[in-house]
Amino acid sequence: MLIAYYEIELIVVRNVFALLMNIALPIAAYQVVKETGICTILHEHDCYWERKKYLINCDPELLGKYYPPKLFSVQH
């Protein structure tokens, strides 16, 4: 993986785990962070719980796992 190859120690992720505009990207980013254990800072705004329209027809399990992720190496 390129993270190990380039010896990347920290990533800053902005608004990937906020609004529900793209479901594949947060899942992919979650997998990378989980598999590598890389230190990650999340900068999020406009989270799904701040807008009632995103709570309609939502999947609570998906939201609880990815929006935002609860991983040891992740700080919000």
C-alpha atoms as a PDB file:
ATOM      1  CA  MET A   1       0.000   0.000   0.000  1.00  0.00           C
ATOM      2  CA  LEU A   2       1.238   3.486  -0.805  1.00  0.00           C
ATOM      3  CA  ILE A   3       0.753   4.671   2.772  1.00  0.00           C
ATOM      4  CA  ALA A   4       3.502   2.317   3.960  1.00  0.00           C
ATOM      5  CA  TYR A   5       5.656   2.866   0.864  1.00  0.00           C
ATOM      6  CA  TYR A   6       5.736   6.651   1.344  1.00  0.00           C
ATOM      7  CA  GLU A   7       5.835   6.322   5.153  1.00  0.00           C
ATOM      8  CA  ILE A   8       2.753   8.497   5.616  1.00  0.00           C
ATOM      9  CA  GLU A   9       2.068   8.899   9.323  1.00  0.00           C
ATOM     10  CA  LEU A  10      -1.053  11.063   9.400  1.00  0.00           C
ATOM     11  CA  ILE A  11      -3.967  11.881   7.148  1.00  0.00           C
ATOM     12  CA  VAL A  12      -6.554  14.632   7.507  1.00  0.00           C
ATOM     13  CA  VAL A  13      -9.933  13.733   6.081  1.00  0.00           C
ATOM     14  CA  ARG A  14     -12.364  16.557   5.382  1.00  0.00           C
ATOM     15  CA  ASN A  15     -16.112  15.979   5.150  1.00  0.00           C
ATOM     16  CA  VAL A  16     -15.885  12.391   3.936  1.00  0.00           C
ATOM     17  CA  PHE A  17     -17.839  11.147   6.942  1.00  0.00           C
ATOM     18  CA  ALA A  18     -20.343  14.015   7.129  1.00  0.00           C
ATOM     19  CA  LEU A  19     -23.223  14.271   4.656  1.00  0.00           C
ATOM     20  CA  LEU A  20     -24.613  11.207   2.959  1.00  0.00           C
ATOM     21  CA  MET A  21     -23.848  12.267  -0.598  1.00  0.00           C
ATOM     22  CA  ASN A  22     -21.499   9.385  -1.322  1.00  0.00           C
ATOM     23  CA  ILE A  23     -21.682   6.067   0.495  1.00  0.00           C
ATOM     24  CA  ALA A  24     -18.766   4.275  -1.211  1.00  0.00           C
ATOM     25  CA  LEU A  25     -16.116   6.866  -0.295  1.00  0.00           C
ATOM     26  CA  PRO A  26     -16.625   6.740   3.509  1.00  0.00           C
ATOM     27  CA  ILE A  27     -16.657   2.934   3.427  1.00  0.00           C
ATOM     28  CA  ALA A  28     -13.410   2.837   1.414  1.00  0.00           C
ATOM     29  CA  ALA A  29     -11.753   5.452   3.637  1.00  0.00           C
ATOM     30  CA  TYR A  30     -12.873   3.535   6.732  1.00  0.00           C
ATOM     31  CA  GLN A  31     -11.306   0.329   5.388  1.00  0.00           C
ATOM     32  CA  VAL A  32      -7.987   2.081   4.654  1.00  0.00           C
ATOM     33  CA  VAL A  33      -7.829   3.626   8.121  1.00  0.00           C
ATOM     34  CA  LYS A  34      -8.861   0.380   9.814  1.00  0.00           C
ATOM     35  CA  GLU A  35      -6.419  -1.829   7.873  1.00  0.00           C
ATOM     36  CA  THR A  36      -3.417   0.492   8.162  1.00  0.00           C
ATOM     37  CA  GLY A  37      -4.063   1.936  11.613  1.00  0.00           C
ATOM     38  CA  ILE A  38      -2.840   5.287  10.289  1.00  0.00           C
ATOM     39  CA  CYS A  39      -3.472   8.262  12.555  1.00  0.00           C
ATOM     40  CA  THR A  40      -6.412  10.172  11.140  1.00  0.00           C
ATOM     41  CA  ILE A  41      -7.912  13.558  11.917  1.00  0.00           C
ATOM     42  CA  LEU A  42     -11.479  14.121  10.775  1.00  0.00           C
ATOM     43  CA  HIS A  43     -12.661  17.625   9.975  1.00  0.00           C
ATOM     44  CA  GLU A  44     -16.395  17.352   9.517  1.00  0.00           C
ATOM     45  CA  HIS A  45     -19.331  19.713   9.344  1.00  0.00           C
ATOM     46  CA  ASP A  46     -22.887  19.308   8.121  1.00  0.00           C
ATOM     47  CA  CYS A  47     -23.199  15.894   9.702  1.00  0.00           C
ATOM     48  CA  TYR A  48     -26.276  13.811   8.933  1.00  0.00           C
ATOM     49  CA  TRP A  49     -27.827  14.375  12.385  1.00  0.00           C
ATOM     50  CA  GLU A  50     -27.775  18.136  11.827  1.00  0.00           C
ATOM     51  CA  ARG A  51     -30.302  17.869   8.991  1.00  0.00           C
ATOM     52  CA  LYS A  52     -33.608  16.099   9.427  1.00  0.00           C
ATOM     53  CA  LYS A  53     -33.900  15.189   5.737  1.00  0.00           C
ATOM     54  CA  TYR A  54     -30.946  12.798   6.090  1.00  0.00           C
ATOM     55  CA  LEU A  55     -32.680  10.893   8.863  1.00  0.00           C
ATOM     56  CA  ILE A  56     -35.458   9.766   6.504  1.00  0.00           C
ATOM     57  CA  ASN A  57     -34.928   6.287   5.027  1.00  0.00           C
ATOM     58  CA  CYS A  58     -31.520   6.001   6.666  1.00  0.00           C
ATOM     59  CA  ASP A  59     -29.725   2.850   7.741  1.00  0.00           C
ATOM     60  CA  PRO A  60     -28.849   3.261  11.447  1.00  0.00           C
ATOM     61  CA  GLU A  61     -26.214   0.500  11.304  1.00  0.00           C
ATOM     62  CA  LEU A  62     -24.439   2.161   8.372  1.00  0.00           C
ATOM     63  CA  LEU A  63     -24.606   5.574  10.020  1.00  0.00           C
ATOM     64  CA  GLY A  64     -23.355   4.242  13.337  1.00  0.00           C
ATOM     65  CA  LYS A  65     -20.342   2.545  11.790  1.00  0.00           C
ATOM     66  CA  TYR A  66     -19.158   5.045   9.169  1.00  0.00           C
ATOM     67  CA  TYR A  67     -20.574   8.485   9.986  1.00  0.00           C
ATOM     68  CA  PRO A  68     -18.119   9.157  11.666  1.00  0.00           C
ATOM     69  CA  PRO A  69     -16.094   5.990  12.270  1.00  0.00           C
ATOM     70  CA  LYS A  70     -15.189   4.969  15.786  1.00  0.00           C
ATOM     71  CA  LEU A  71     -11.647   3.680  15.359  1.00  0.00           C
ATOM     72  CA  PHE A  72      -8.731   3.906  17.781  1.00  0.00           C
ATOM     73  CA  SER A  73      -6.567   5.898  15.361  1.00  0.00           C
ATOM     74  CA  VAL A  74      -9.278   8.444  14.493  1.00  0.00           C
ATOM     75  CA  GLN A  75      -9.749  11.808  16.222  1.00  0.00           C
ATOM     76  CA  HIS A  76     -12.605  14.165  15.446  1.00  0.00           C
END
